[in-house]
Amino acid sequence: MSSIKNFLELPTDKQIGETHHFFLIRDGFPVSPGHTLIISKALRTDYFDLTPDEKADLDNAIGLARSLVESEFTPDGYNIGMNCGESAGQTVFHFHCHLIPRYSGDMENPRGGVRHVIPSKGSY
């Protein structure tokens, strides 16, 4: 389990960008170079607790995260993901969305993408 209860505990100098409802940081345990977290400024448990205004601003935050990644890295694709609930792998119960840059050759066969969160369900 994670040792932090929410991302508001992090020092603000970790932030690399923000929108009206979200701030962005690089993931502390990145899956790939540029892995970025989009975190709600208000303490919300997960995506389903976001307000309609926050959900609308999430698109802006994802776009900003992509721009920041591409100013430093040259990914070939992205996975965008949210873990909602302990059974889905959520360890910090403060809304955050992962923007994970993907690079050609970073895995043998990327087909199925996020479907691989459950082993044996990614291939079809």
N, C-alpha and C. Protein backbone atom coordinates (compact mmCIF):
# COMPACT_ATOMS: atom_id res chain seq x y z
N MET A 1 0.83 -1.18 0.00
CA MET A 1 0.00 0.00 0.00
C MET A 1 0.88 1.25 0.00
N SER A 2 0.34 2.31 -0.55
CA SER A 2 1.04 3.58 -0.59
C SER A 2 1.13 4.17 0.81
N SER A 3 2.16 4.97 1.06
CA SER A 3 2.31 5.57 2.38
C SER A 3 1.64 6.93 2.48
N ILE A 4 1.16 7.50 1.36
CA ILE A 4 0.46 8.78 1.45
C ILE A 4 -1.04 8.55 1.39
N LYS A 5 -1.77 9.41 2.09
CA LYS A 5 -3.23 9.30 2.12
C LYS A 5 -3.87 10.04 0.95
N ASN A 6 -3.26 11.16 0.56
CA ASN A 6 -3.74 11.91 -0.61
C ASN A 6 -2.60 12.74 -1.17
N PHE A 7 -2.78 13.18 -2.38
CA PHE A 7 -1.70 13.89 -3.08
C PHE A 7 -1.54 15.33 -2.61
N LEU A 8 -2.45 15.81 -1.78
CA LEU A 8 -2.30 17.16 -1.23
C LEU A 8 -1.15 17.21 -0.23
N GLU A 9 -0.67 16.04 0.20
CA GLU A 9 0.47 15.96 1.11
C GLU A 9 1.80 16.24 0.40
N LEU A 10 1.81 16.18 -0.93
CA LEU A 10 3.05 16.38 -1.68
C LEU A 10 3.43 17.86 -1.70
N PRO A 11 4.73 18.15 -1.72
CA PRO A 11 5.15 19.55 -1.85
C PRO A 11 4.72 20.11 -3.20
N THR A 12 4.30 21.36 -3.22
CA THR A 12 3.81 21.97 -4.46
C THR A 12 4.90 22.10 -5.52
N ASP A 13 6.17 22.04 -5.14
CA ASP A 13 7.22 22.15 -6.15
C ASP A 13 7.30 20.91 -7.04
N LYS A 14 6.56 19.86 -6.72
CA LYS A 14 6.47 18.68 -7.58
C LYS A 14 5.53 18.91 -8.76
N GLN A 15 4.69 19.95 -8.67
CA GLN A 15 3.70 20.21 -9.71
C GLN A 15 4.37 20.75 -10.97
N ILE A 16 3.94 20.21 -12.12
CA ILE A 16 4.53 20.64 -13.40
C ILE A 16 3.52 21.40 -14.25
N GLY A 17 2.28 21.50 -13.79
CA GLY A 17 1.25 22.22 -14.53
C GLY A 17 -0.06 22.15 -13.78
N GLU A 18 -1.03 22.96 -14.22
CA GLU A 18 -2.34 22.94 -13.60
C GLU A 18 -3.40 23.50 -14.52
N THR A 19 -4.63 23.09 -14.25
CA THR A 19 -5.81 23.68 -14.86
C THR A 19 -6.66 24.19 -13.69
N HIS A 20 -7.88 24.59 -13.97
CA HIS A 20 -8.73 25.13 -12.91
C HIS A 20 -8.96 24.11 -11.80
N HIS A 21 -9.19 22.84 -12.15
CA HIS A 21 -9.55 21.82 -11.16
C HIS A 21 -8.49 20.77 -10.89
N PHE A 22 -7.37 20.79 -11.63
CA PHE A 22 -6.37 19.72 -11.51
C PHE A 22 -4.96 20.27 -11.47
N PHE A 23 -4.07 19.51 -10.84
CA PHE A 23 -2.64 19.79 -10.95
C PHE A 23 -1.96 18.52 -11.46
N LEU A 24 -0.79 18.69 -12.05
CA LEU A 24 -0.07 17.59 -12.69
C LEU A 24 1.28 17.41 -12.04
N ILE A 25 1.67 16.13 -11.89
CA ILE A 25 3.01 15.79 -11.42
C ILE A 25 3.51 14.61 -12.26
N ARG A 26 4.81 14.43 -12.27
CA ARG A 26 5.36 13.20 -12.84
C ARG A 26 5.16 12.09 -11.81
N ASP A 27 4.81 10.91 -12.28
CA ASP A 27 4.60 9.77 -11.40
C ASP A 27 5.89 9.42 -10.67
N GLY A 28 5.79 9.15 -9.38
CA GLY A 28 6.96 8.80 -8.58
C GLY A 28 7.51 7.41 -8.88
N PHE A 29 6.69 6.58 -9.51
CA PHE A 29 7.10 5.22 -9.90
C PHE A 29 6.70 5.02 -11.36
N PRO A 30 7.36 5.75 -12.28
CA PRO A 30 6.90 5.78 -13.67
C PRO A 30 6.98 4.45 -14.39
N VAL A 31 5.93 4.18 -15.17
CA VAL A 31 5.89 3.01 -16.04
C VAL A 31 6.78 3.26 -17.27
N SER A 32 6.85 4.51 -17.69
CA SER A 32 7.65 4.89 -18.85
C SER A 32 8.09 6.34 -18.68
N PRO A 33 9.08 6.78 -19.46
CA PRO A 33 9.50 8.17 -19.39
C PRO A 33 8.34 9.13 -19.70
N GLY A 34 8.11 10.09 -18.81
CA GLY A 34 7.05 11.07 -19.00
C GLY A 34 5.74 10.71 -18.31
N HIS A 35 5.64 9.54 -17.69
CA HIS A 35 4.42 9.11 -16.99
C HIS A 35 3.97 10.23 -16.05
N THR A 36 2.76 10.72 -16.28
CA THR A 36 2.24 11.89 -15.58
C THR A 36 0.93 11.56 -14.87
N LEU A 37 0.76 12.14 -13.68
CA LEU A 37 -0.50 12.03 -12.95
C LEU A 37 -1.25 13.35 -13.01
N ILE A 38 -2.54 13.26 -13.26
CA ILE A 38 -3.46 14.40 -13.26
C ILE A 38 -4.30 14.23 -12.01
N ILE A 39 -4.22 15.18 -11.08
CA ILE A 39 -4.78 15.01 -9.73
C ILE A 39 -5.77 16.13 -9.44
N SER A 40 -6.91 15.77 -8.86
CA SER A 40 -7.91 16.78 -8.53
C SER A 40 -7.42 17.67 -7.39
N LYS A 41 -7.66 18.97 -7.53
CA LYS A 41 -7.31 19.92 -6.47
C LYS A 41 -8.21 19.73 -5.26
N ALA A 42 -9.47 19.39 -5.49
CA ALA A 42 -10.38 19.05 -4.39
C ALA A 42 -10.21 17.57 -4.09
N LEU A 43 -10.33 17.21 -2.85
CA LEU A 43 -10.17 15.80 -2.48
C LEU A 43 -11.40 15.02 -2.91
N ARG A 44 -11.24 14.23 -3.97
CA ARG A 44 -12.29 13.35 -4.49
C ARG A 44 -11.70 11.94 -4.50
N THR A 45 -12.51 10.96 -4.18
CA THR A 45 -12.00 9.59 -4.08
C THR A 45 -11.58 9.03 -5.44
N ASP A 46 -12.44 9.19 -6.44
CA ASP A 46 -12.14 8.64 -7.76
C ASP A 46 -12.95 9.38 -8.82
N TYR A 47 -12.88 8.91 -10.05
CA TYR A 47 -13.55 9.56 -11.18
C TYR A 47 -15.04 9.77 -10.91
N PHE A 48 -15.67 8.80 -10.29
CA PHE A 48 -17.11 8.86 -10.09
C PHE A 48 -17.53 9.90 -9.05
N ASP A 49 -16.57 10.42 -8.29
CA ASP A 49 -16.85 11.48 -7.32
C ASP A 49 -16.59 12.88 -7.88
N LEU A 50 -16.06 12.98 -9.09
CA LEU A 50 -15.82 14.29 -9.68
C LEU A 50 -17.14 14.98 -10.00
N THR A 51 -17.14 16.30 -9.91
CA THR A 51 -18.32 17.08 -10.29
C THR A 51 -18.37 17.18 -11.81
N PRO A 52 -19.51 17.57 -12.37
CA PRO A 52 -19.57 17.78 -13.83
C PRO A 52 -18.54 18.80 -14.33
N ASP A 53 -18.31 19.87 -13.59
CA ASP A 53 -17.29 20.86 -14.00
C ASP A 53 -15.91 20.25 -13.98
N GLU A 54 -15.61 19.44 -12.98
CA GLU A 54 -14.31 18.79 -12.92
C GLU A 54 -14.14 17.80 -14.07
N LYS A 55 -15.19 17.04 -14.36
CA LYS A 55 -15.11 16.10 -15.49
C LYS A 55 -14.86 16.84 -16.80
N ALA A 56 -15.49 18.00 -16.98
CA ALA A 56 -15.28 18.78 -18.20
C ALA A 56 -13.84 19.28 -18.27
N ASP A 57 -13.28 19.69 -17.14
CA ASP A 57 -11.91 20.21 -17.11
C ASP A 57 -10.87 19.10 -17.23
N LEU A 58 -11.26 17.86 -16.95
CA LEU A 58 -10.32 16.75 -17.06
C LEU A 58 -9.76 16.64 -18.47
N ASP A 59 -10.58 16.88 -19.47
CA ASP A 59 -10.11 16.84 -20.85
C ASP A 59 -9.00 17.88 -21.07
N ASN A 60 -9.18 19.08 -20.51
CA ASN A 60 -8.14 20.11 -20.62
C ASN A 60 -6.86 19.66 -19.94
N ALA A 61 -7.00 19.03 -18.78
CA ALA A 61 -5.83 18.58 -18.03
C ALA A 61 -5.08 17.48 -18.77
N ILE A 62 -5.82 16.56 -19.39
CA ILE A 62 -5.17 15.51 -20.18
C ILE A 62 -4.42 16.12 -21.37
N GLY A 63 -5.04 17.09 -22.02
CA GLY A 63 -4.37 17.78 -23.13
C GLY A 63 -3.11 18.50 -22.69
N LEU A 64 -3.17 19.15 -21.53
CA LEU A 64 -1.99 19.83 -21.00
C LEU A 64 -0.90 18.82 -20.66
N ALA A 65 -1.29 17.71 -20.05
CA ALA A 65 -0.30 16.68 -19.71
C ALA A 65 0.39 16.17 -20.97
N ARG A 66 -0.39 15.93 -22.01
CA ARG A 66 0.19 15.47 -23.28
C ARG A 66 1.18 16.50 -23.83
N SER A 67 0.81 17.77 -23.81
CA SER A 67 1.72 18.82 -24.29
C SER A 67 3.01 18.85 -23.49
N LEU A 68 2.91 18.70 -22.18
CA LEU A 68 4.11 18.72 -21.34
C LEU A 68 4.99 17.50 -21.62
N VAL A 69 4.37 16.34 -21.80
CA VAL A 69 5.15 15.14 -22.14
C VAL A 69 5.87 15.36 -23.46
N GLU A 70 5.14 15.86 -24.46
CA GLU A 70 5.72 15.99 -25.80
C GLU A 70 6.74 17.13 -25.90
N SER A 71 6.78 18.00 -24.91
CA SER A 71 7.82 19.03 -24.90
C SER A 71 9.16 18.44 -24.45
N GLU A 72 9.12 17.26 -23.87
CA GLU A 72 10.32 16.64 -23.32
C GLU A 72 10.64 15.27 -23.91
N PHE A 73 9.60 14.56 -24.38
CA PHE A 73 9.75 13.19 -24.87
C PHE A 73 9.07 13.05 -26.24
N THR A 74 9.31 11.93 -26.90
CA THR A 74 8.67 11.69 -28.20
C THR A 74 7.96 10.33 -28.19
N PRO A 75 6.85 10.24 -27.46
CA PRO A 75 6.13 8.96 -27.42
C PRO A 75 5.44 8.65 -28.74
N ASP A 76 5.16 7.37 -28.94
CA ASP A 76 4.46 6.91 -30.14
C ASP A 76 2.98 6.66 -29.88
N GLY A 77 2.57 6.71 -28.62
CA GLY A 77 1.17 6.49 -28.24
C GLY A 77 1.01 6.75 -26.76
N TYR A 78 -0.21 6.52 -26.26
CA TYR A 78 -0.51 6.76 -24.84
C TYR A 78 -1.50 5.73 -24.33
N ASN A 79 -1.41 5.45 -23.04
CA ASN A 79 -2.50 4.82 -22.30
C ASN A 79 -2.97 5.87 -21.30
N ILE A 80 -4.27 6.00 -21.16
CA ILE A 80 -4.87 6.90 -20.17
C ILE A 80 -5.67 6.01 -19.23
N GLY A 81 -5.38 6.08 -17.93
CA GLY A 81 -6.04 5.16 -17.03
C GLY A 81 -6.35 5.72 -15.67
N MET A 82 -7.41 5.17 -15.06
CA MET A 82 -7.83 5.52 -13.71
C MET A 82 -8.18 4.23 -12.98
N ASN A 83 -7.70 4.10 -11.76
CA ASN A 83 -8.06 2.97 -10.92
C ASN A 83 -9.11 3.47 -9.93
N CYS A 84 -10.29 2.91 -10.00
CA CYS A 84 -11.41 3.37 -9.15
C CYS A 84 -11.78 2.24 -8.19
N GLY A 85 -11.28 2.33 -6.97
CA GLY A 85 -11.56 1.33 -5.95
C GLY A 85 -10.40 0.38 -5.73
N GLU A 86 -10.34 -0.14 -4.53
CA GLU A 86 -9.25 -1.04 -4.16
C GLU A 86 -9.19 -2.27 -5.06
N SER A 87 -10.34 -2.82 -5.44
CA SER A 87 -10.36 -4.01 -6.31
C SER A 87 -9.82 -3.72 -7.71
N ALA A 88 -9.82 -2.44 -8.09
CA ALA A 88 -9.27 -2.04 -9.38
C ALA A 88 -7.81 -1.61 -9.28
N GLY A 89 -7.24 -1.71 -8.09
CA GLY A 89 -5.82 -1.39 -7.91
C GLY A 89 -5.55 -0.02 -7.33
N GLN A 90 -6.57 0.73 -6.96
CA GLN A 90 -6.34 2.06 -6.40
C GLN A 90 -5.70 1.94 -5.03
N THR A 91 -4.61 2.67 -4.81
CA THR A 91 -3.92 2.65 -3.52
C THR A 91 -3.94 4.00 -2.82
N VAL A 92 -4.08 5.09 -3.59
CA VAL A 92 -4.24 6.42 -3.00
C VAL A 92 -5.65 6.86 -3.37
N PHE A 93 -6.48 7.06 -2.35
CA PHE A 93 -7.89 7.32 -2.59
C PHE A 93 -8.16 8.81 -2.71
N HIS A 94 -7.47 9.38 -3.70
CA HIS A 94 -7.58 10.77 -4.11
C HIS A 94 -7.52 10.71 -5.63
N PHE A 95 -8.54 11.26 -6.32
CA PHE A 95 -8.62 11.09 -7.77
C PHE A 95 -7.29 11.43 -8.45
N HIS A 96 -6.88 10.52 -9.30
CA HIS A 96 -5.74 10.77 -10.19
C HIS A 96 -5.90 9.93 -11.45
N CYS A 97 -5.51 10.52 -12.54
CA CYS A 97 -5.56 9.90 -13.85
C CYS A 97 -4.13 9.75 -14.34
N HIS A 98 -3.79 8.56 -14.82
CA HIS A 98 -2.45 8.31 -15.35
C HIS A 98 -2.42 8.60 -16.85
N LEU A 99 -1.48 9.40 -17.28
CA LEU A 99 -1.17 9.54 -18.71
C LEU A 99 0.18 8.84 -18.88
N ILE A 100 0.14 7.69 -19.55
CA ILE A 100 1.34 6.86 -19.69
C ILE A 100 1.79 6.88 -21.15
N PRO A 101 2.90 7.58 -21.41
CA PRO A 101 3.43 7.56 -22.78
C PRO A 101 3.90 6.16 -23.14
N ARG A 102 3.66 5.79 -24.38
CA ARG A 102 4.09 4.49 -24.89
C ARG A 102 5.07 4.69 -26.04
N TYR A 103 6.02 3.80 -26.13
CA TYR A 103 7.08 3.90 -27.12
C TYR A 103 7.16 2.61 -27.91
N SER A 104 7.32 2.74 -29.21
CA SER A 104 7.46 1.55 -30.06
C SER A 104 8.55 0.67 -29.49
N GLY A 105 8.23 -0.62 -29.32
CA GLY A 105 9.20 -1.58 -28.80
C GLY A 105 9.25 -1.65 -27.28
N ASP A 106 8.40 -0.88 -26.55
CA ASP A 106 8.48 -0.93 -25.08
C ASP A 106 7.92 -2.24 -24.52
N MET A 107 7.21 -2.99 -25.34
CA MET A 107 6.81 -4.35 -25.01
C MET A 107 6.68 -5.13 -26.30
N GLU A 108 6.78 -6.45 -26.21
CA GLU A 108 6.80 -7.28 -27.41
C GLU A 108 5.55 -7.12 -28.26
N ASN A 109 4.38 -7.18 -27.64
CA ASN A 109 3.13 -7.08 -28.39
C ASN A 109 2.13 -6.25 -27.58
N PRO A 110 1.98 -4.97 -27.91
CA PRO A 110 1.09 -4.11 -27.12
C PRO A 110 -0.40 -4.30 -27.40
N ARG A 111 -0.75 -5.14 -28.37
CA ARG A 111 -2.16 -5.32 -28.72
C ARG A 111 -2.98 -5.69 -27.47
N GLY A 112 -4.09 -5.02 -27.30
CA GLY A 112 -4.95 -5.24 -26.13
C GLY A 112 -4.79 -4.16 -25.08
N GLY A 113 -3.64 -3.48 -25.09
CA GLY A 113 -3.43 -2.34 -24.19
C GLY A 113 -3.90 -2.56 -22.77
N VAL A 114 -4.83 -1.73 -22.33
CA VAL A 114 -5.28 -1.77 -20.94
C VAL A 114 -6.02 -3.06 -20.59
N ARG A 115 -6.42 -3.82 -21.59
CA ARG A 115 -7.08 -5.11 -21.31
C ARG A 115 -6.16 -6.05 -20.55
N HIS A 116 -4.86 -5.79 -20.57
CA HIS A 116 -3.88 -6.67 -19.90
C HIS A 116 -3.86 -6.45 -18.38
N VAL A 117 -4.70 -5.57 -17.84
CA VAL A 117 -4.72 -5.42 -16.38
C VAL A 117 -5.19 -6.71 -15.72
N ILE A 118 -5.92 -7.54 -16.44
CA ILE A 118 -6.28 -8.86 -15.95
C ILE A 118 -5.56 -9.87 -16.82
N PRO A 119 -4.54 -10.54 -16.25
CA PRO A 119 -3.75 -11.47 -17.06
C PRO A 119 -4.66 -12.45 -17.81
N SER A 120 -4.28 -12.74 -19.02
CA SER A 120 -4.96 -13.65 -19.95
C SER A 120 -6.19 -13.04 -20.62
N LYS A 121 -6.56 -11.81 -20.28
CA LYS A 121 -7.73 -11.18 -20.90
C LYS A 121 -7.33 -10.18 -21.98
N GLY A 122 -6.04 -9.89 -22.13
CA GLY A 122 -5.60 -8.89 -23.09
C GLY A 122 -5.57 -9.37 -24.53
N SER A 123 -5.31 -10.65 -24.71
CA SER A 123 -5.23 -11.18 -26.08
C SER A 123 -6.61 -11.58 -26.57
N TYR A 124 -6.90 -11.22 -27.80
CA TYR A 124 -8.20 -11.57 -28.38
C TYR A 124 -8.06 -11.76 -29.86
